Amino acid sequence: MSRSTELIANYLDDALSDQEVAELQTWLEADPANLEEFVKAVARNEQLRKVVKSMNIPHAPVAQSNPPSPRKPVPQGGRWTKWILVASLMVAVCWFMFPRENNASVVTFEGGSAQVSLQTD
């Protein structure tokens, strides 16, 4: 970066010391091309400011008044309970859907004068 460019940039940033102001003044008076370069830089800077201002970009707030609440963790115990219930339901459905073998048994008791039979289905 040349010294003249540095002086112009510091002028636009309003950061010139007294010595740099005198140096810039001398540089501007030395050549009309220097003055033209300075005027173009100031005009370009002004146009950029207008464009940025017209964009109307919202700025992020510095500090939030109410920070978002932390997300509550999902309890893991509920997951096991659901799997146990699903497995129990599947066993119950299979128990009633599939046919069972007919294990009907007849138990006969003989004793005394009467014969007693017990049948289970």
N, C-alpha and C. Protein backbone atom coordinates (compact mmCIF):
# COMPACT_ATOMS: atom_id res chain seq x y z
N MET A 1 0.86 -1.16 0.00
CA MET A 1 0.00 0.00 0.00
C MET A 1 0.92 1.23 0.00
N SER A 2 0.64 2.13 -0.91
CA SER A 2 1.46 3.34 -1.00
C SER A 2 1.12 4.29 0.16
N ARG A 3 2.01 5.19 0.38
CA ARG A 3 1.81 6.15 1.49
C ARG A 3 0.59 7.01 1.24
N SER A 4 0.35 7.40 -0.03
CA SER A 4 -0.82 8.23 -0.34
C SER A 4 -2.11 7.47 -0.08
N THR A 5 -2.14 6.18 -0.44
CA THR A 5 -3.33 5.36 -0.19
C THR A 5 -3.56 5.21 1.31
N GLU A 6 -2.48 5.05 2.04
CA GLU A 6 -2.59 4.94 3.50
C GLU A 6 -3.12 6.23 4.11
N LEU A 7 -2.66 7.36 3.62
CA LEU A 7 -3.14 8.65 4.13
C LEU A 7 -4.62 8.85 3.83
N ILE A 8 -5.04 8.47 2.60
CA ILE A 8 -6.46 8.61 2.23
C ILE A 8 -7.32 7.70 3.11
N ALA A 9 -6.87 6.45 3.31
CA ALA A 9 -7.63 5.51 4.15
C ALA A 9 -7.75 6.03 5.57
N ASN A 10 -6.68 6.57 6.11
CA ASN A 10 -6.73 7.12 7.47
C ASN A 10 -7.64 8.35 7.53
N TYR A 11 -7.65 9.15 6.47
CA TYR A 11 -8.54 10.31 6.42
C TYR A 11 -10.00 9.85 6.45
N LEU A 12 -10.32 8.81 5.64
CA LEU A 12 -11.70 8.31 5.59
C LEU A 12 -12.11 7.68 6.93
N ASP A 13 -11.15 7.12 7.64
CA ASP A 13 -11.43 6.53 8.95
C ASP A 13 -11.35 7.56 10.07
N ASP A 14 -11.05 8.80 9.71
CA ASP A 14 -10.90 9.89 10.67
C ASP A 14 -9.84 9.55 11.72
N ALA A 15 -8.70 9.05 11.21
CA ALA A 15 -7.64 8.60 12.10
C ALA A 15 -6.30 9.24 11.76
N LEU A 16 -6.32 10.45 11.22
CA LEU A 16 -5.07 11.14 10.87
C LEU A 16 -4.52 11.92 12.06
N SER A 17 -3.22 11.82 12.24
CA SER A 17 -2.56 12.67 13.24
C SER A 17 -2.32 14.05 12.62
N ASP A 18 -1.91 15.00 13.40
CA ASP A 18 -1.65 16.35 12.88
C ASP A 18 -0.54 16.33 11.83
N GLN A 19 0.45 15.52 12.06
CA GLN A 19 1.56 15.41 11.11
C GLN A 19 1.07 14.81 9.79
N GLU A 20 0.19 13.78 9.87
CA GLU A 20 -0.35 13.15 8.66
C GLU A 20 -1.28 14.10 7.91
N VAL A 21 -2.01 14.96 8.62
CA VAL A 21 -2.87 15.95 7.96
C VAL A 21 -2.00 16.89 7.13
N ALA A 22 -0.90 17.34 7.69
CA ALA A 22 0.01 18.23 6.96
C ALA A 22 0.62 17.51 5.76
N GLU A 23 0.96 16.23 5.94
CA GLU A 23 1.54 15.43 4.85
C GLU A 23 0.52 15.25 3.73
N LEU A 24 -0.73 14.98 4.08
CA LEU A 24 -1.79 14.82 3.07
C LEU A 24 -2.01 16.14 2.34
N GLN A 25 -2.03 17.23 3.05
CA GLN A 25 -2.23 18.56 2.45
C GLN A 25 -1.11 18.85 1.44
N THR A 26 0.10 18.56 1.79
CA THR A 26 1.24 18.78 0.90
C THR A 26 1.12 17.89 -0.34
N TRP A 27 0.73 16.64 -0.14
CA TRP A 27 0.59 15.70 -1.26
C TRP A 27 -0.51 16.16 -2.21
N LEU A 28 -1.64 16.65 -1.67
CA LEU A 28 -2.75 17.12 -2.51
C LEU A 28 -2.35 18.35 -3.33
N GLU A 29 -1.56 19.24 -2.77
CA GLU A 29 -1.16 20.46 -3.47
C GLU A 29 -0.04 20.21 -4.48
N ALA A 30 0.63 19.09 -4.37
CA ALA A 30 1.77 18.81 -5.24
C ALA A 30 1.36 18.53 -6.68
N ASP A 31 0.20 17.88 -6.88
CA ASP A 31 -0.17 17.49 -8.24
C ASP A 31 -1.70 17.44 -8.33
N PRO A 32 -2.30 17.98 -9.43
CA PRO A 32 -3.75 17.90 -9.60
C PRO A 32 -4.26 16.46 -9.69
N ALA A 33 -3.44 15.53 -10.16
CA ALA A 33 -3.83 14.12 -10.24
C ALA A 33 -4.02 13.55 -8.83
N ASN A 34 -3.23 14.02 -7.89
CA ASN A 34 -3.38 13.58 -6.50
C ASN A 34 -4.72 14.03 -5.93
N LEU A 35 -5.09 15.26 -6.24
CA LEU A 35 -6.38 15.79 -5.78
C LEU A 35 -7.53 15.00 -6.39
N GLU A 36 -7.39 14.65 -7.69
CA GLU A 36 -8.43 13.86 -8.37
C GLU A 36 -8.55 12.47 -7.72
N GLU A 37 -7.42 11.84 -7.41
CA GLU A 37 -7.42 10.52 -6.75
C GLU A 37 -8.11 10.62 -5.39
N PHE A 38 -7.83 11.67 -4.66
CA PHE A 38 -8.42 11.87 -3.33
C PHE A 38 -9.93 12.06 -3.43
N VAL A 39 -10.38 12.89 -4.39
CA VAL A 39 -11.82 13.15 -4.56
C VAL A 39 -12.54 11.87 -4.96
N LYS A 40 -11.95 11.07 -5.85
CA LYS A 40 -12.57 9.80 -6.25
C LYS A 40 -12.68 8.84 -5.05
N ALA A 41 -11.66 8.79 -4.23
CA ALA A 41 -11.69 7.90 -3.06
C ALA A 41 -12.77 8.32 -2.07
N VAL A 42 -12.91 9.63 -1.86
CA VAL A 42 -13.94 10.14 -0.94
C VAL A 42 -15.33 9.86 -1.51
N ALA A 43 -15.52 10.06 -2.83
CA ALA A 43 -16.82 9.80 -3.46
C ALA A 43 -17.16 8.31 -3.39
N ARG A 44 -16.18 7.45 -3.67
CA ARG A 44 -16.40 6.00 -3.61
C ARG A 44 -16.79 5.58 -2.19
N ASN A 45 -16.13 6.14 -1.21
CA ASN A 45 -16.44 5.83 0.19
C ASN A 45 -17.86 6.27 0.54
N GLU A 46 -18.25 7.42 0.07
CA GLU A 46 -19.61 7.93 0.34
C GLU A 46 -20.66 7.05 -0.32
N GLN A 47 -20.40 6.60 -1.55
CA GLN A 47 -21.34 5.71 -2.23
C GLN A 47 -21.48 4.39 -1.48
N LEU A 48 -20.37 3.86 -1.01
CA LEU A 48 -20.43 2.61 -0.24
C LEU A 48 -21.25 2.77 1.03
N ARG A 49 -21.08 3.89 1.69
CA ARG A 49 -21.87 4.15 2.91
C ARG A 49 -23.36 4.19 2.60
N LYS A 50 -23.73 4.84 1.48
CA LYS A 50 -25.14 4.94 1.10
C LYS A 50 -25.71 3.56 0.78
N VAL A 51 -24.94 2.75 0.05
CA VAL A 51 -25.41 1.41 -0.31
C VAL A 51 -25.61 0.56 0.94
N VAL A 52 -24.65 0.60 1.82
CA VAL A 52 -24.76 -0.20 3.05
C VAL A 52 -25.94 0.28 3.88
N LYS A 53 -26.12 1.58 3.94
CA LYS A 53 -27.24 2.13 4.72
C LYS A 53 -28.58 1.76 4.10
N SER A 54 -28.64 1.73 2.75
CA SER A 54 -29.90 1.41 2.08
C SER A 54 -30.25 -0.07 2.18
N MET A 55 -29.26 -0.91 2.43
CA MET A 55 -29.53 -2.35 2.54
C MET A 55 -30.36 -2.65 3.77
N ASN A 56 -30.30 -1.80 4.77
CA ASN A 56 -31.10 -1.92 5.98
C ASN A 56 -30.98 -3.31 6.59
N ILE A 57 -29.76 -3.71 6.83
CA ILE A 57 -29.50 -5.02 7.43
C ILE A 57 -29.74 -4.91 8.93
N PRO A 58 -30.63 -5.75 9.46
CA PRO A 58 -30.86 -5.69 10.91
C PRO A 58 -29.63 -6.22 11.65
N HIS A 59 -29.30 -5.55 12.70
CA HIS A 59 -28.15 -5.96 13.51
C HIS A 59 -28.62 -6.93 14.58
N ALA A 60 -27.78 -7.89 14.88
CA ALA A 60 -28.10 -8.85 15.93
C ALA A 60 -28.08 -8.13 17.28
N PRO A 61 -29.00 -8.47 18.16
CA PRO A 61 -29.01 -7.83 19.48
C PRO A 61 -27.73 -8.17 20.24
N VAL A 62 -27.27 -7.22 21.02
CA VAL A 62 -26.04 -7.41 21.78
C VAL A 62 -26.24 -8.45 22.87
N ALA A 63 -27.32 -8.32 23.60
CA ALA A 63 -27.61 -9.27 24.67
C ALA A 63 -29.09 -9.60 24.64
N GLN A 64 -29.40 -10.87 24.79
CA GLN A 64 -30.79 -11.28 24.80
C GLN A 64 -31.36 -11.07 26.20
N SER A 65 -32.59 -10.55 26.23
CA SER A 65 -33.21 -10.31 27.53
C SER A 65 -33.64 -11.61 28.19
N ASN A 66 -34.10 -12.56 27.40
CA ASN A 66 -34.49 -13.85 27.96
C ASN A 66 -33.86 -14.95 27.10
N PRO A 67 -32.81 -15.59 27.60
CA PRO A 67 -32.15 -16.64 26.83
C PRO A 67 -33.09 -17.84 26.67
N PRO A 68 -32.96 -18.57 25.57
CA PRO A 68 -33.84 -19.73 25.37
C PRO A 68 -33.60 -20.78 26.44
N SER A 69 -34.69 -21.41 26.85
CA SER A 69 -34.58 -22.42 27.90
C SER A 69 -33.90 -23.65 27.33
N PRO A 70 -33.09 -24.31 28.13
CA PRO A 70 -32.42 -25.51 27.64
C PRO A 70 -33.43 -26.62 27.37
N ARG A 71 -33.15 -27.40 26.37
CA ARG A 71 -34.05 -28.48 25.99
C ARG A 71 -33.98 -29.59 27.02
N LYS A 72 -35.14 -30.06 27.43
CA LYS A 72 -35.19 -31.11 28.44
C LYS A 72 -34.85 -32.45 27.80
N PRO A 73 -34.02 -33.26 28.45
CA PRO A 73 -33.68 -34.56 27.89
C PRO A 73 -34.87 -35.50 27.95
N VAL A 74 -34.98 -36.33 26.94
CA VAL A 74 -36.06 -37.32 26.89
C VAL A 74 -35.67 -38.48 27.79
N PRO A 75 -36.56 -38.87 28.71
CA PRO A 75 -36.21 -39.99 29.58
C PRO A 75 -36.09 -41.28 28.78
N GLN A 76 -35.03 -42.05 29.06
CA GLN A 76 -34.77 -43.27 28.32
C GLN A 76 -35.56 -44.46 28.86
N GLY A 77 -36.07 -44.38 30.08
CA GLY A 77 -36.82 -45.49 30.66
C GLY A 77 -38.10 -45.78 29.90
N GLY A 78 -38.70 -44.76 29.32
CA GLY A 78 -39.94 -44.94 28.57
C GLY A 78 -39.75 -45.81 27.35
N ARG A 79 -38.56 -45.78 26.78
CA ARG A 79 -38.29 -46.57 25.58
C ARG A 79 -38.35 -48.06 25.91
N TRP A 80 -37.73 -48.47 27.04
CA TRP A 80 -37.76 -49.88 27.42
C TRP A 80 -39.18 -50.33 27.75
N THR A 81 -39.93 -49.47 28.39
CA THR A 81 -41.31 -49.81 28.74
C THR A 81 -42.12 -50.07 27.49
N LYS A 82 -41.95 -49.25 26.49
CA LYS A 82 -42.69 -49.43 25.24
C LYS A 82 -42.33 -50.75 24.57
N TRP A 83 -41.03 -51.10 24.55
CA TRP A 83 -40.62 -52.35 23.92
C TRP A 83 -41.18 -53.56 24.68
N ILE A 84 -41.21 -53.48 25.98
CA ILE A 84 -41.77 -54.59 26.77
C ILE A 84 -43.26 -54.75 26.49
N LEU A 85 -43.98 -53.62 26.42
CA LEU A 85 -45.41 -53.69 26.11
C LEU A 85 -45.66 -54.25 24.72
N VAL A 86 -44.87 -53.85 23.74
CA VAL A 86 -45.03 -54.36 22.37
C VAL A 86 -44.76 -55.85 22.33
N ALA A 87 -43.70 -56.30 23.00
CA ALA A 87 -43.38 -57.73 23.02
C ALA A 87 -44.49 -58.53 23.70
N SER A 88 -45.03 -58.01 24.79
CA SER A 88 -46.12 -58.71 25.49
C SER A 88 -47.35 -58.79 24.62
N LEU A 89 -47.65 -57.73 23.92
CA LEU A 89 -48.81 -57.72 23.03
C LEU A 89 -48.63 -58.74 21.90
N MET A 90 -47.43 -58.84 21.36
CA MET A 90 -47.19 -59.81 20.28
C MET A 90 -47.34 -61.24 20.78
N VAL A 91 -46.85 -61.51 21.98
CA VAL A 91 -46.99 -62.85 22.55
C VAL A 91 -48.46 -63.18 22.76
N ALA A 92 -49.24 -62.21 23.26
CA ALA A 92 -50.66 -62.45 23.51
C ALA A 92 -51.40 -62.69 22.20
N VAL A 93 -51.10 -61.92 21.17
CA VAL A 93 -51.77 -62.10 19.87
C VAL A 93 -51.43 -63.47 19.30
N CYS A 94 -50.15 -63.84 19.35
CA CYS A 94 -49.76 -65.16 18.83
C CYS A 94 -50.41 -66.29 19.64
N TRP A 95 -50.56 -66.09 20.93
CA TRP A 95 -51.16 -67.12 21.79
C TRP A 95 -52.58 -67.42 21.35
N PHE A 96 -53.35 -66.38 20.99
CA PHE A 96 -54.74 -66.60 20.62
C PHE A 96 -54.93 -66.87 19.13
N MET A 97 -53.97 -66.52 18.29
CA MET A 97 -54.14 -66.72 16.84
C MET A 97 -53.82 -68.14 16.41
N PHE A 98 -52.75 -68.71 16.94
CA PHE A 98 -52.33 -70.03 16.49
C PHE A 98 -53.14 -71.10 17.21
N PRO A 99 -53.58 -72.12 16.45
CA PRO A 99 -54.40 -73.17 17.09
C PRO A 99 -53.55 -74.00 18.07
N ARG A 100 -54.20 -74.37 19.15
CA ARG A 100 -53.52 -75.19 20.14
C ARG A 100 -53.90 -76.65 19.89
N GLU A 101 -53.05 -77.54 20.32
CA GLU A 101 -53.37 -78.96 20.20
C GLU A 101 -54.47 -79.29 21.20
N ASN A 102 -55.32 -80.25 20.82
CA ASN A 102 -56.39 -80.68 21.72
C ASN A 102 -55.80 -81.67 22.71
N ASN A 103 -55.55 -81.21 23.90
CA ASN A 103 -54.98 -82.05 24.95
C ASN A 103 -56.06 -82.48 25.94
N ALA A 104 -57.20 -82.84 25.40
CA ALA A 104 -58.28 -83.26 26.29
C ALA A 104 -57.87 -84.56 26.98
N SER A 105 -57.96 -84.54 28.25
CA SER A 105 -57.60 -85.74 28.99
C SER A 105 -58.80 -86.23 29.80
N VAL A 106 -58.80 -87.47 29.96
CA VAL A 106 -59.86 -88.09 30.75
C VAL A 106 -59.20 -88.75 31.95
N VAL A 107 -59.65 -88.34 33.10
CA VAL A 107 -59.13 -88.95 34.32
C VAL A 107 -60.28 -89.76 34.93
N THR A 108 -59.99 -90.96 35.18
CA THR A 108 -61.03 -91.84 35.73
C THR A 108 -60.61 -92.27 37.13
N PHE A 109 -61.56 -92.15 38.05
CA PHE A 109 -61.30 -92.56 39.42
C PHE A 109 -62.20 -93.75 39.72
N GLU A 110 -61.59 -94.78 40.11
CA GLU A 110 -62.37 -95.96 40.44
C GLU A 110 -62.19 -96.26 41.92
N GLY A 111 -63.25 -96.26 42.53
CA GLY A 111 -63.19 -96.59 43.94
C GLY A 111 -64.61 -96.61 44.49
N GLY A 112 -64.81 -97.48 45.32
CA GLY A 112 -66.12 -97.58 45.90
C GLY A 112 -67.11 -98.15 44.90
N SER A 113 -68.35 -97.78 45.03
CA SER A 113 -69.39 -98.36 44.19
C SER A 113 -69.63 -97.57 42.93
N ALA A 114 -69.21 -96.29 42.85
CA ALA A 114 -69.51 -95.47 41.66
C ALA A 114 -68.21 -95.10 40.95
N GLN A 115 -68.30 -95.04 39.65
CA GLN A 115 -67.14 -94.64 38.85
C GLN A 115 -67.27 -93.15 38.55
N VAL A 116 -66.19 -92.37 38.78
CA VAL A 116 -66.20 -90.92 38.54
C VAL A 116 -65.19 -90.61 37.44
N SER A 117 -65.61 -89.82 36.44
CA SER A 117 -64.71 -89.43 35.35
C SER A 117 -64.60 -87.91 35.32
N LEU A 118 -63.41 -87.43 35.10
CA LEU A 118 -63.16 -85.99 34.99
C LEU A 118 -62.59 -85.75 33.60
N GLN A 119 -63.27 -84.93 32.84
CA GLN A 119 -62.79 -84.61 31.49
C GLN A 119 -62.43 -83.12 31.43
N THR A 120 -61.32 -82.83 30.79
CA THR A 120 -60.93 -81.43 30.59
C THR A 120 -60.78 -81.18 29.10
N ASP A 121 -61.20 -80.04 28.67
CA ASP A 121 -61.09 -79.68 27.24
C ASP A 121 -60.06 -78.61 27.05
